[in-house]
Amino acid sequence: MTDAFFEQLADTGKDPRLCKVRGSVRFDVREDDRVRQWLLTIDHGQLRVSPGDGPASAVVTLSSEVAEAMVRGELNGLSAMLRGEILVDGDLGLALRMGRLLHAPAVAREAGHPWARR
């Protein structure tokens, strides 16, 4: 489900909620002994998403279970950070702004987006 979320985000292209944001965030999603990485680049709301590593303003590390709960809208990212379930290296403010994207699934479920179905 997390991969589908990032793929859908890549198709979005632009998000007006991030119109004042510039930077990049890499999500390192751990599952057992494997790490799946997604690089999200934001330029005044314009989104570019690509699988893989690379330098980023912020690196967000989390388990696949936490990532999927966030994508489903069942887990608050800030609360998870305070509990140590999410680690952020780099620009914390930029990482926190990504919460705007990760809370979108609740709205998307209502709109019927396939990536947001449980």
PDB file of N, CA and C in Angstrom:
ATOM      1  N   MET A   1       0.809  -1.192   0.000  1.00  0.00           N
ATOM      2  CA  MET A   1       0.000   0.000   0.000  1.00  0.00           C
ATOM      3  C   MET A   1       0.859   1.264   0.000  1.00  0.00           C
ATOM      4  N   THR A   2       1.996   1.237   0.673  1.00  0.00           N
ATOM      5  CA  THR A   2       2.875   2.408   0.712  1.00  0.00           C
ATOM      6  C   THR A   2       3.417   2.723  -0.674  1.00  0.00           C
ATOM      7  N   ASP A   3       3.826   1.696  -1.418  1.00  0.00           N
ATOM      8  CA  ASP A   3       4.310   1.920  -2.786  1.00  0.00           C
ATOM      9  C   ASP A   3       3.228   2.559  -3.637  1.00  0.00           C
ATOM     10  N   ALA A   4       1.997   2.070  -3.515  1.00  0.00           N
ATOM     11  CA  ALA A   4       0.884   2.632  -4.282  1.00  0.00           C
ATOM     12  C   ALA A   4       0.647   4.092  -3.915  1.00  0.00           C
ATOM     13  N   PHE A   5       0.804   4.420  -2.634  1.00  0.00           N
ATOM     14  CA  PHE A   5       0.643   5.810  -2.200  1.00  0.00           C
ATOM     15  C   PHE A   5       1.648   6.711  -2.904  1.00  0.00           C
ATOM     16  N   PHE A   6       2.934   6.311  -2.900  1.00  0.00           N
ATOM     17  CA  PHE A   6       3.962   7.141  -3.534  1.00  0.00           C
ATOM     18  C   PHE A   6       3.786   7.199  -5.046  1.00  0.00           C
ATOM     19  N   GLU A   7       3.346   6.116  -5.650  1.00  0.00           N
ATOM     20  CA  GLU A   7       3.087   6.121  -7.090  1.00  0.00           C
ATOM     21  C   GLU A   7       1.944   7.079  -7.422  1.00  0.00           C
ATOM     22  N   GLN A   8       0.890   7.062  -6.611  1.00  0.00           N
ATOM     23  CA  GLN A   8      -0.227   7.988  -6.807  1.00  0.00           C
ATOM     24  C   GLN A   8       0.221   9.424  -6.584  1.00  0.00           C
ATOM     25  N   LEU A   9       1.060   9.644  -5.603  1.00  0.00           N
ATOM     26  CA  LEU A   9       1.581  10.976  -5.325  1.00  0.00           C
ATOM     27  C   LEU A   9       2.374  11.486  -6.520  1.00  0.00           C
ATOM     28  N   ALA A  10       3.131  10.610  -7.156  1.00  0.00           N
ATOM     29  CA  ALA A  10       3.897  10.989  -8.343  1.00  0.00           C
ATOM     30  C   ALA A  10       2.963  11.424  -9.465  1.00  0.00           C
ATOM     31  N   ASP A  11       1.822  10.767  -9.588  1.00  0.00           N
ATOM     32  CA  ASP A  11       0.852  11.113 -10.632  1.00  0.00           C
ATOM     33  C   ASP A  11       0.146  12.433 -10.352  1.00  0.00           C
ATOM     34  N   THR A  12       0.107  12.844  -9.082  1.00  0.00           N
ATOM     35  CA  THR A  12      -0.577  14.075  -8.695  1.00  0.00           C
ATOM     36  C   THR A  12       0.061  15.290  -9.354  1.00  0.00           C
ATOM     37  N   GLY A  13       1.391  15.342  -9.332  1.00  0.00           N
ATOM     38  CA  GLY A  13       2.106  16.427  -9.987  1.00  0.00           C
ATOM     39  C   GLY A  13       2.206  17.711  -9.179  1.00  0.00           C
ATOM     40  N   LYS A  14       1.104  18.191  -8.637  1.00  0.00           N
ATOM     41  CA  LYS A  14       1.137  19.462  -7.902  1.00  0.00           C
ATOM     42  C   LYS A  14       0.166  19.394  -6.730  1.00  0.00           C
ATOM     43  N   ASP A  15       0.587  19.985  -5.621  1.00  0.00           N
ATOM     44  CA  ASP A  15      -0.274  20.039  -4.440  1.00  0.00           C
ATOM     45  C   ASP A  15      -0.268  21.470  -3.924  1.00  0.00           C
ATOM     46  N   PRO A  16      -1.406  22.174  -4.015  1.00  0.00           N
ATOM     47  CA  PRO A  16      -1.460  23.580  -3.607  1.00  0.00           C
ATOM     48  C   PRO A  16      -1.152  23.806  -2.128  1.00  0.00           C
ATOM     49  N   ARG A  17      -1.301  22.771  -1.294  1.00  0.00           N
ATOM     50  CA  ARG A  17      -0.989  22.924   0.132  1.00  0.00           C
ATOM     51  C   ARG A  17       0.500  23.148   0.359  1.00  0.00           C
ATOM     52  N   LEU A  18       1.318  22.851  -0.645  1.00  0.00           N
ATOM     53  CA  LEU A  18       2.771  22.980  -0.523  1.00  0.00           C
ATOM     54  C   LEU A  18       3.318  24.075  -1.434  1.00  0.00           C
ATOM     55  N   CYS A  19       2.481  25.065  -1.770  1.00  0.00           N
ATOM     56  CA  CYS A  19       2.881  26.092  -2.739  1.00  0.00           C
ATOM     57  C   CYS A  19       4.058  26.954  -2.270  1.00  0.00           C
ATOM     58  N   LYS A  20       4.339  26.978  -0.979  1.00  0.00           N
ATOM     59  CA  LYS A  20       5.453  27.779  -0.465  1.00  0.00           C
ATOM     60  C   LYS A  20       6.647  26.919  -0.058  1.00  0.00           C
ATOM     61  N   VAL A  21       6.611  25.655  -0.426  1.00  0.00           N
ATOM     62  CA  VAL A  21       7.631  24.716   0.026  1.00  0.00           C
ATOM     63  C   VAL A  21       8.605  24.363  -1.095  1.00  0.00           C
ATOM     64  N   ARG A  22       9.893  24.361  -0.746  1.00  0.00           N
ATOM     65  CA  ARG A  22      10.945  23.880  -1.642  1.00  0.00           C
ATOM     66  C   ARG A  22      11.858  22.985  -0.823  1.00  0.00           C
ATOM     67  N   GLY A  23      12.199  21.838  -1.382  1.00  0.00           N
ATOM     68  CA  GLY A  23      13.111  20.937  -0.698  1.00  0.00           C
ATOM     69  C   GLY A  23      12.879  19.506  -1.135  1.00  0.00           C
ATOM     70  N   SER A  24      13.588  18.612  -0.497  1.00  0.00           N
ATOM     71  CA  SER A  24      13.445  17.197  -0.829  1.00  0.00           C
ATOM     72  C   SER A  24      13.433  16.370   0.457  1.00  0.00           C
ATOM     73  N   VAL A  25      12.642  15.316   0.414  1.00  0.00           N
ATOM     74  CA  VAL A  25      12.528  14.420   1.553  1.00  0.00           C
ATOM     75  C   VAL A  25      12.661  12.997   1.025  1.00  0.00           C
ATOM     76  N   ARG A  26      13.536  12.251   1.658  1.00  0.00           N
ATOM     77  CA  ARG A  26      13.661  10.835   1.306  1.00  0.00           C
ATOM     78  C   ARG A  26      13.006  10.024   2.409  1.00  0.00           C
ATOM     79  N   PHE A  27      12.149   9.104   2.010  1.00  0.00           N
ATOM     80  CA  PHE A  27      11.507   8.193   2.944  1.00  0.00           C
ATOM     81  C   PHE A  27      12.209   6.851   2.850  1.00  0.00           C
ATOM     82  N   ASP A  28      12.797   6.413   3.956  1.00  0.00           N
ATOM     83  CA  ASP A  28      13.429   5.096   4.042  1.00  0.00           C
ATOM     84  C   ASP A  28      12.478   4.204   4.824  1.00  0.00           C
ATOM     85  N   VAL A  29      11.797   3.326   4.110  1.00  0.00           N
ATOM     86  CA  VAL A  29      10.784   2.462   4.714  1.00  0.00           C
ATOM     87  C   VAL A  29      11.403   1.082   4.926  1.00  0.00           C
ATOM     88  N   ARG A  30      11.545   0.692   6.197  1.00  0.00           N
ATOM     89  CA  ARG A  30      12.179  -0.585   6.557  1.00  0.00           C
ATOM     90  C   ARG A  30      11.148  -1.703   6.623  1.00  0.00           C
ATOM     91  N   GLU A  31      11.522  -2.832   6.040  1.00  0.00           N
ATOM     92  CA  GLU A  31      10.703  -4.035   6.157  1.00  0.00           C
ATOM     93  C   GLU A  31      11.655  -5.211   6.306  1.00  0.00           C
ATOM     94  N   ASP A  32      11.680  -5.776   7.495  1.00  0.00           N
ATOM     95  CA  ASP A  32      12.627  -6.841   7.835  1.00  0.00           C
ATOM     96  C   ASP A  32      14.048  -6.339   7.604  1.00  0.00           C
ATOM     97  N   ASP A  33      14.814  -6.978   6.744  1.00  0.00           N
ATOM     98  CA  ASP A  33      16.202  -6.571   6.503  1.00  0.00           C
ATOM     99  C   ASP A  33      16.346  -5.752   5.221  1.00  0.00           C
ATOM    100  N   ARG A  34      15.247  -5.274   4.694  1.00  0.00           N
ATOM    101  CA  ARG A  34      15.238  -4.544   3.431  1.00  0.00           C
ATOM    102  C   ARG A  34      14.765  -3.105   3.677  1.00  0.00           C
ATOM    103  N   VAL A  35      15.275  -2.165   2.873  1.00  0.00           N
ATOM    104  CA  VAL A  35      14.843  -0.764   2.964  1.00  0.00           C
ATOM    105  C   VAL A  35      14.365  -0.332   1.584  1.00  0.00           C
ATOM    106  N   ARG A  36      13.145   0.153   1.537  1.00  0.00           N
ATOM    107  CA  ARG A  36      12.568   0.693   0.296  1.00  0.00           C
ATOM    108  C   ARG A  36      12.642   2.202   0.425  1.00  0.00           C
ATOM    109  N   GLN A  37      13.196   2.869  -0.590  1.00  0.00           N
ATOM    110  CA  GLN A  37      13.396   4.318  -0.504  1.00  0.00           C
ATOM    111  C   GLN A  37      12.597   5.047  -1.573  1.00  0.00           C
ATOM    112  N   TRP A  38      12.034   6.172  -1.153  1.00  0.00           N
ATOM    113  CA  TRP A  38      11.292   7.060  -2.055  1.00  0.00           C
ATOM    114  C   TRP A  38      11.825   8.475  -1.857  1.00  0.00           C
ATOM    115  N   LEU A  39      12.157   9.137  -2.948  1.00  0.00           N
ATOM    116  CA  LEU A  39      12.657  10.508  -2.901  1.00  0.00           C
ATOM    117  C   LEU A  39      11.575  11.442  -3.418  1.00  0.00           C
ATOM    118  N   LEU A  40      11.153  12.361  -2.577  1.00  0.00           N
ATOM    119  CA  LEU A  40      10.112  13.326  -2.909  1.00  0.00           C
ATOM    120  C   LEU A  40      10.754  14.704  -2.994  1.00  0.00           C
ATOM    121  N   THR A  41      10.632  15.329  -4.140  1.00  0.00           N
ATOM    122  CA  THR A  41      11.167  16.678  -4.356  1.00  0.00           C
ATOM    123  C   THR A  41       9.989  17.618  -4.549  1.00  0.00           C
ATOM    124  N   ILE A  42       9.989  18.711  -3.798  1.00  0.00           N
ATOM    125  CA  ILE A  42       8.909  19.694  -3.853  1.00  0.00           C
ATOM    126  C   ILE A  42       9.491  21.027  -4.290  1.00  0.00           C
ATOM    127  N   ASP A  43       8.874  21.633  -5.287  1.00  0.00           N
ATOM    128  CA  ASP A  43       9.289  22.955  -5.751  1.00  0.00           C
ATOM    129  C   ASP A  43       8.041  23.810  -5.901  1.00  0.00           C
ATOM    130  N   HIS A  44       7.722  24.574  -4.854  1.00  0.00           N
ATOM    131  CA  HIS A  44       6.545  25.435  -4.817  1.00  0.00           C
ATOM    132  C   HIS A  44       5.276  24.668  -5.184  1.00  0.00           C
ATOM    133  N   GLY A  45       5.107  23.511  -4.566  1.00  0.00           N
ATOM    134  CA  GLY A  45       3.906  22.707  -4.771  1.00  0.00           C
ATOM    135  C   GLY A  45       4.032  21.662  -5.867  1.00  0.00           C
ATOM    136  N   GLN A  46       4.987  21.832  -6.748  1.00  0.00           N
ATOM    137  CA  GLN A  46       5.206  20.850  -7.812  1.00  0.00           C
ATOM    138  C   GLN A  46       5.926  19.646  -7.208  1.00  0.00           C
ATOM    139  N   LEU A  47       5.359  18.450  -7.376  1.00  0.00           N
ATOM    140  CA  LEU A  47       5.902  17.251  -6.758  1.00  0.00           C
ATOM    141  C   LEU A  47       6.578  16.359  -7.792  1.00  0.00           C
ATOM    142  N   ARG A  48       7.726  15.855  -7.404  1.00  0.00           N
ATOM    143  CA  ARG A  48       8.409  14.821  -8.187  1.00  0.00           C
ATOM    144  C   ARG A  48       8.726  13.698  -7.223  1.00  0.00           C
ATOM    145  N   VAL A  49       8.316  12.501  -7.566  1.00  0.00           N
ATOM    146  CA  VAL A  49       8.544  11.343  -6.706  1.00  0.00           C
ATOM    147  C   VAL A  49       9.260  10.282  -7.516  1.00  0.00           C
ATOM    148  N   SER A  50      10.298   9.719  -6.914  1.00  0.00           N
ATOM    149  CA  SER A  50      11.006   8.645  -7.596  1.00  0.00           C
ATOM    150  C   SER A  50      11.469   7.615  -6.570  1.00  0.00           C
ATOM    151  N   PRO A  51      11.418   6.343  -6.958  1.00  0.00           N
ATOM    152  CA  PRO A  51      11.957   5.330  -6.047  1.00  0.00           C
ATOM    153  C   PRO A  51      13.475   5.433  -6.037  1.00  0.00           C
ATOM    154  N   GLY A  52      14.065   5.143  -4.904  1.00  0.00           N
ATOM    155  CA  GLY A  52      15.518   5.133  -4.828  1.00  0.00           C
ATOM    156  C   GLY A  52      16.064   6.154  -3.862  1.00  0.00           C
ATOM    157  N   ASP A  53      17.372   6.083  -3.711  1.00  0.00           N
ATOM    158  CA  ASP A  53      18.025   6.958  -2.745  1.00  0.00           C
ATOM    159  C   ASP A  53      18.544   8.208  -3.437  1.00  0.00           C
ATOM    160  N   GLY A  54      19.157   9.027  -2.662  1.00  0.00           N
ATOM    161  CA  GLY A  54      19.723  10.266  -3.156  1.00  0.00           C
ATOM    162  C   GLY A  54      19.785  11.259  -2.016  1.00  0.00           C
ATOM    163  N   PRO A  55      20.542  12.310  -2.207  1.00  0.00           N
ATOM    164  CA  PRO A  55      20.628  13.326  -1.150  1.00  0.00           C
ATOM    165  C   PRO A  55      19.277  14.020  -0.986  1.00  0.00           C
ATOM    166  N   ALA A  56      18.973  14.420   0.247  1.00  0.00           N
ATOM    167  CA  ALA A  56      17.698  15.069   0.527  1.00  0.00           C
ATOM    168  C   ALA A  56      17.867  16.035   1.695  1.00  0.00           C
ATOM    169  N   SER A  57      17.005  17.031   1.749  1.00  0.00           N
ATOM    170  CA  SER A  57      17.009  17.991   2.855  1.00  0.00           C
ATOM    171  C   SER A  57      16.638  17.312   4.166  1.00  0.00           C
ATOM    172  N   ALA A  58      15.802  16.280   4.068  1.00  0.00           N
ATOM    173  CA  ALA A  58      15.385  15.519   5.249  1.00  0.00           C
ATOM    174  C   ALA A  58      15.264  14.052   4.868  1.00  0.00           C
ATOM    175  N   VAL A  59      15.650  13.193   5.789  1.00  0.00           N
ATOM    176  CA  VAL A  59      15.478  11.756   5.598  1.00  0.00           C
ATOM    177  C   VAL A  59      14.576  11.252   6.719  1.00  0.00           C
ATOM    178  N   VAL A  60      13.464  10.637   6.326  1.00  0.00           N
ATOM    179  CA  VAL A  60      12.485  10.109   7.268  1.00  0.00           C
ATOM    180  C   VAL A  60      12.610   8.589   7.251  1.00  0.00           C
ATOM    181  N   THR A  61      12.921   7.999   8.394  1.00  0.00           N
ATOM    182  CA  THR A  61      13.077   6.547   8.498  1.00  0.00           C
ATOM    183  C   THR A  61      11.953   5.988   9.358  1.00  0.00           C
ATOM    184  N   LEU A  62      11.277   4.983   8.829  1.00  0.00           N
ATOM    185  CA  LEU A  62      10.159   4.376   9.534  1.00  0.00           C
ATOM    186  C   LEU A  62       9.959   2.952   9.055  1.00  0.00           C
ATOM    187  N   SER A  63       9.233   2.173   9.821  1.00  0.00           N
ATOM    188  CA  SER A  63       8.950   0.795   9.440  1.00  0.00           C
ATOM    189  C   SER A  63       7.805   0.774   8.427  1.00  0.00           C
ATOM    190  N   SER A  64       7.695  -0.331   7.720  1.00  0.00           N
ATOM    191  CA  SER A  64       6.606  -0.459   6.746  1.00  0.00           C
ATOM    192  C   SER A  64       5.248  -0.450   7.455  1.00  0.00           C
ATOM    193  N   GLU A  65       5.188  -0.987   8.679  1.00  0.00           N
ATOM    194  CA  GLU A  65       3.932  -0.998   9.425  1.00  0.00           C
ATOM    195  C   GLU A  65       3.483   0.425   9.759  1.00  0.00           C
ATOM    196  N   VAL A  66       4.416   1.251  10.214  1.00  0.00           N
ATOM    197  CA  VAL A  66       4.100   2.644  10.544  1.00  0.00           C
ATOM    198  C   VAL A  66       3.724   3.408   9.272  1.00  0.00           C
ATOM    199  N   ALA A  67       4.467   3.194   8.188  1.00  0.00           N
ATOM    200  CA  ALA A  67       4.170   3.869   6.915  1.00  0.00           C
ATOM    201  C   ALA A  67       2.766   3.522   6.436  1.00  0.00           C
ATOM    202  N   GLU A  68       2.411   2.251   6.490  1.00  0.00           N
ATOM    203  CA  GLU A  68       1.088   1.847   6.017  1.00  0.00           C
ATOM    204  C   GLU A  68      -0.023   2.405   6.904  1.00  0.00           C
ATOM    205  N   ALA A  69       0.203   2.456   8.205  1.00  0.00           N
ATOM    206  CA  ALA A  69      -0.805   3.038   9.100  1.00  0.00           C
ATOM    207  C   ALA A  69      -0.990   4.526   8.798  1.00  0.00           C
ATOM    208  N   MET A  70       0.093   5.221   8.479  1.00  0.00           N
ATOM    209  CA  MET A  70      -0.009   6.643   8.137  1.00  0.00           C
ATOM    210  C   MET A  70      -0.746   6.830   6.815  1.00  0.00           C
ATOM    211  N   VAL A  71      -0.423   6.005   5.832  1.00  0.00           N
ATOM    212  CA  VAL A  71      -1.064   6.099   4.522  1.00  0.00           C
ATOM    213  C   VAL A  71      -2.567   5.828   4.640  1.00  0.00           C
ATOM    214  N   ARG A  72      -2.939   4.932   5.538  1.00  0.00           N
ATOM    215  CA  ARG A  72      -4.367   4.636   5.746  1.00  0.00           C
ATOM    216  C   ARG A  72      -5.051   5.720   6.577  1.00  0.00           C
ATOM    217  N   GLY A  73      -4.276   6.664   7.116  1.00  0.00           N
ATOM    218  CA  GLY A  73      -4.848   7.730   7.924  1.00  0.00           C
ATOM    219  C   GLY A  73      -5.129   7.312   9.357  1.00  0.00           C
ATOM    220  N   GLU A  74      -4.498   6.225   9.804  1.00  0.00           N
ATOM    221  CA  GLU A  74      -4.747   5.696  11.142  1.00  0.00           C
ATOM    222  C   GLU A  74      -3.705   6.134  12.175  1.00  0.00           C
ATOM    223  N   LEU A  75      -2.652   6.796  11.738  1.00  0.00           N
ATOM    224  CA  LEU A  75      -1.563   7.150  12.646  1.00  0.00           C
ATOM    225  C   LEU A  75      -1.110   8.574  12.370  1.00  0.00           C
ATOM    226  N   ASN A  76      -0.974   9.344  13.419  1.00  0.00           N
ATOM    227  CA  ASN A  76      -0.481  10.712  13.322  1.00  0.00           C
ATOM    228  C   ASN A  76       1.045  10.695  13.317  1.00  0.00           C
ATOM    229  N   GLY A  77       1.634  11.313  12.306  1.00  0.00           N
ATOM    230  CA  GLY A  77       3.083  11.310  12.159  1.00  0.00           C
ATOM    231  C   GLY A  77       3.824  11.962  13.305  1.00  0.00           C
ATOM    232  N   LEU A  78       3.323  13.088  13.801  1.00  0.00           N
ATOM    233  CA  LEU A  78       3.988  13.766  14.910  1.00  0.00           C
ATOM    234  C   LEU A  78       3.982  12.893  16.164  1.00  0.00           C
ATOM    235  N   SER A  79       2.858  12.271  16.438  1.00  0.00           N
ATOM    236  CA  SER A  79       2.786  11.365  17.594  1.00  0.00           C
ATOM    237  C   SER A  79       3.769  10.211  17.434  1.00  0.00           C
ATOM    238  N   ALA A  80       3.850   9.666  16.224  1.00  0.00           N
ATOM    239  CA  ALA A  80       4.777   8.561  15.967  1.00  0.00           C
ATOM    240  C   ALA A  80       6.229   9.015  16.133  1.00  0.00           C
ATOM    241  N   MET A  81       6.533  10.251  15.755  1.00  0.00           N
ATOM    242  CA  MET A  81       7.888  10.783  15.935  1.00  0.00           C
ATOM    243  C   MET A  81       8.202  10.906  17.424  1.00  0.00           C
ATOM    244  N   LEU A  82       7.252  11.392  18.192  1.00  0.00           N
ATOM    245  CA  LEU A  82       7.472  11.561  19.629  1.00  0.00           C
ATOM    246  C   LEU A  82       7.669  10.220  20.338  1.00  0.00           C
ATOM    247  N   ARG A  83       7.063   9.151  19.788  1.00  0.00           N
ATOM    248  CA  ARG A  83       7.237   7.813  20.358  1.00  0.00           C
ATOM    249  C   ARG A  83       8.490   7.115  19.820  1.00  0.00           C
ATOM    250  N   GLY A  84       9.204   7.751  18.885  1.00  0.00           N
ATOM    251  CA  GLY A  84      10.412   7.157  18.332  1.00  0.00           C
ATOM    252  C   GLY A  84      10.153   6.160  17.212  1.00  0.00           C
ATOM    253  N   GLU A  85       8.939   6.115  16.703  1.00  0.00           N
ATOM    254  CA  GLU A  85       8.602   5.208  15.603  1.00  0.00           C
ATOM    255  C   GLU A  85       9.026   5.765  14.252  1.00  0.00           C
ATOM    256  N   ILE A  86       9.249   7.066  14.213  1.00  0.00           N
ATOM    257  CA  ILE A  86       9.718   7.742  13.009  1.00  0.00           C
ATOM    258  C   ILE A  86      10.942   8.559  13.404  1.00  0.00           C
ATOM    259  N   LEU A  87      12.014   8.400  12.649  1.00  0.00           N
ATOM    260  CA  LEU A  87      13.234   9.178  12.875  1.00  0.00           C
ATOM    261  C   LEU A  87      13.417  10.141  11.715  1.00  0.00           C
ATOM    262  N   VAL A  88      13.816  11.375  12.033  1.00  0.00           N
ATOM    263  CA  VAL A  88      14.049  12.381  11.008  1.00  0.00           C
ATOM    264  C   VAL A  88      15.475  12.885  11.138  1.00  0.00           C
ATOM    265  N   ASP A  89      16.181  12.878  10.022  1.00  0.00           N
ATOM    266  CA  ASP A  89      17.527  13.420   9.962  1.00  0.00           C
ATOM    267  C   ASP A  89      17.505  14.576   8.969  1.00  0.00           C
ATOM    268  N   GLY A  90      17.919  15.757   9.401  1.00  0.00           N
ATOM    269  CA  GLY A  90      17.930  16.911   8.506  1.00  0.00           C
ATOM    270  C   GLY A  90      16.848  17.904   8.876  1.00  0.00           C
ATOM    271  N   ASP A  91      16.199  18.462   7.874  1.00  0.00           N
ATOM    272  CA  ASP A  91      15.237  19.547   8.030  1.00  0.00           C
ATOM    273  C   ASP A  91      13.921  19.041   8.638  1.00  0.00           C
ATOM    274  N   LEU A  92      13.801  19.155   9.954  1.00  0.00           N
ATOM    275  CA  LEU A  92      12.618  18.674  10.661  1.00  0.00           C
ATOM    276  C   LEU A  92      11.360  19.415  10.216  1.00  0.00           C
ATOM    277  N   GLY A  93      11.455  20.715  10.003  1.00  0.00           N
ATOM    278  CA  GLY A  93      10.302  21.506   9.571  1.00  0.00           C
ATOM    279  C   GLY A  93       9.745  21.008   8.246  1.00  0.00           C
ATOM    280  N   LEU A  94      10.631  20.696   7.312  1.00  0.00           N
ATOM    281  CA  LEU A  94      10.197  20.174   6.019  1.00  0.00           C
ATOM    282  C   LEU A  94       9.547  18.809   6.186  1.00  0.00           C
ATOM    283  N   ALA A  95      10.135  17.970   7.009  1.00  0.00           N
ATOM    284  CA  ALA A  95       9.567  16.639   7.251  1.00  0.00           C
ATOM    285  C   ALA A  95       8.165  16.754   7.856  1.00  0.00           C
ATOM    286  N   LEU A  96       7.981  17.690   8.779  1.00  0.00           N
ATOM    287  CA  LEU A  96       6.673  17.875   9.396  1.00  0.00           C
ATOM    288  C   LEU A  96       5.635  18.337   8.381  1.00  0.00           C
ATOM    289  N   ARG A  97       6.056  19.129   7.420  1.00  0.00           N
ATOM    290  CA  ARG A  97       5.121  19.586   6.383  1.00  0.00           C
ATOM    291  C   ARG A  97       4.608  18.430   5.528  1.00  0.00           C
ATOM    292  N   MET A  98       5.353  17.361   5.466  1.00  0.00           N
ATOM    293  CA  MET A  98       4.930  16.209   4.675  1.00  0.00           C
ATOM    294  C   MET A  98       3.693  15.546   5.276  1.00  0.00           C
ATOM    295  N   GLY A  99       3.410  15.866   6.534  1.00  0.00           N
ATOM    296  CA  GLY A  99       2.185  15.376   7.153  1.00  0.00           C
ATOM    297  C   GLY A  99       0.953  15.797   6.378  1.00  0.00           C
ATOM    298  N   ARG A 100       1.034  16.919   5.693  1.00  0.00           N
ATOM    299  CA  ARG A 100      -0.084  17.383   4.865  1.00  0.00           C
ATOM    300  C   ARG A 100      -0.396  16.379   3.767  1.00  0.00           C
ATOM    301  N   LEU A 101       0.625  15.755   3.250  1.00  0.00           N
ATOM    302  CA  LEU A 101       0.424  14.754   2.201  1.00  0.00           C
ATOM    303  C   LEU A 101      -0.045  13.428   2.779  1.00  0.00           C
ATOM    304  N   LEU A 102       0.501  13.071   3.927  1.00  0.00           N
ATOM    305  CA  LEU A 102       0.210  11.759   4.488  1.00  0.00           C
ATOM    306  C   LEU A 102      -1.162  11.672   5.139  1.00  0.00           C
ATOM    307  N   HIS A 103      -1.802  12.800   5.389  1.00  0.00           N
ATOM    308  CA  HIS A 103      -3.156  12.766   5.931  1.00  0.00           C
ATOM    309  C   HIS A 103      -4.193  12.782   4.820  1.00  0.00           C
ATOM    310  N   ALA A 104      -3.766  12.868   3.582  1.00  0.00           N
ATOM    311  CA  ALA A 104      -4.682  12.905   2.445  1.00  0.00           C
ATOM    312  C   ALA A 104      -5.501  11.636   2.264  1.00  0.00           C
ATOM    313  N   PRO A 105      -5.037  10.446   2.668  1.00  0.00           N
ATOM    314  CA  PRO A 105      -5.806   9.235   2.399  1.00  0.00           C
ATOM    315  C   PRO A 105      -7.222   9.228   2.948  1.00  0.00           C
ATOM    316  N   ALA A 106      -7.468   9.835   4.103  1.00  0.00           N
ATOM    317  CA  ALA A 106      -8.826   9.841   4.634  1.00  0.00           C
ATOM    318  C   ALA A 106      -9.771  10.520   3.656  1.00  0.00           C
ATOM    319  N   VAL A 107      -9.345  11.626   3.068  1.00  0.00           N
ATOM    320  CA  VAL A 107     -10.145  12.332   2.067  1.00  0.00           C
ATOM    321  C   VAL A 107     -10.225  11.496   0.794  1.00  0.00           C
ATOM    322  N   ALA A 108      -9.099  10.900   0.414  1.00  0.00           N
ATOM    323  CA  ALA A 108      -9.061  10.113  -0.814  1.00  0.00           C
ATOM    324  C   ALA A 108      -9.972   8.892  -0.719  1.00  0.00           C
ATOM    325  N   ARG A 109     -10.068   8.279   0.465  1.00  0.00           N
ATOM    326  CA  ARG A 109     -10.957   7.122   0.624  1.00  0.00           C
ATOM    327  C   ARG A 109     -12.383   7.531   0.298  1.00  0.00           C
ATOM    328  N   GLU A 110     -12.766   8.708   0.795  1.00  0.00           N
ATOM    329  CA  GLU A 110     -14.120   9.179   0.535  1.00  0.00           C
ATOM    330  C   GLU A 110     -14.334   9.443  -0.945  1.00  0.00           C
ATOM    331  N   ALA A 111     -13.273   9.895  -1.630  1.00  0.00           N
ATOM    332  CA  ALA A 111     -13.370  10.179  -3.057  1.00  0.00           C
ATOM    333  C   ALA A 111     -13.234   8.918  -3.900  1.00  0.00           C
ATOM    334  N   GLY A 112     -12.877   7.791  -3.262  1.00  0.00           N
ATOM    335  CA  GLY A 112     -12.815   6.530  -3.980  1.00  0.00           C
ATOM    336  C   GLY A 112     -11.498   6.218  -4.678  1.00  0.00           C
ATOM    337  N   HIS A 113     -10.415   6.896  -4.308  1.00  0.00           N
ATOM    338  CA  HIS A 113      -9.117   6.585  -4.914  1.00  0.00           C
ATOM    339  C   HIS A 113      -8.721   5.155  -4.565  1.00  0.00           C
ATOM    340  N   PRO A 114      -8.289   4.371  -5.551  1.00  0.00           N
ATOM    341  CA  PRO A 114      -7.970   2.963  -5.290  1.00  0.00           C
ATOM    342  C   PRO A 114      -6.789   2.772  -4.352  1.00  0.00           C
ATOM    343  N   TRP A 115      -5.800   3.680  -4.311  1.00  0.00           N
ATOM    344  CA  TRP A 115      -4.635   3.497  -3.453  1.00  0.00           C
ATOM    345  C   TRP A 115      -4.963   3.704  -1.993  1.00  0.00           C
ATOM    346  N   ALA A 116      -6.109   4.291  -1.730  1.00  0.00           N
ATOM    347  CA  ALA A 116      -6.461   4.583  -0.351  1.00  0.00           C
ATOM    348  C   ALA A 116      -7.447   3.587   0.238  1.00  0.00           C
ATOM    349  N   ARG A 117      -7.820   2.597  -0.529  1.00  0.00           N
ATOM    350  CA  ARG A 117      -8.760   1.604   0.006  1.00  0.00           C
ATOM    351  C   ARG A 117      -8.063   0.687   0.981  1.00  0.00           C
ATOM    352  N   ARG A 118      -8.780   0.254   1.976  1.00  0.00           N
ATOM    353  CA  ARG A 118      -8.219  -0.668   2.986  1.00  0.00           C
ATOM    354  C   ARG A 118      -8.263  -2.072   2.484  1.00  0.00           C
TER     355      ARG A 118
END
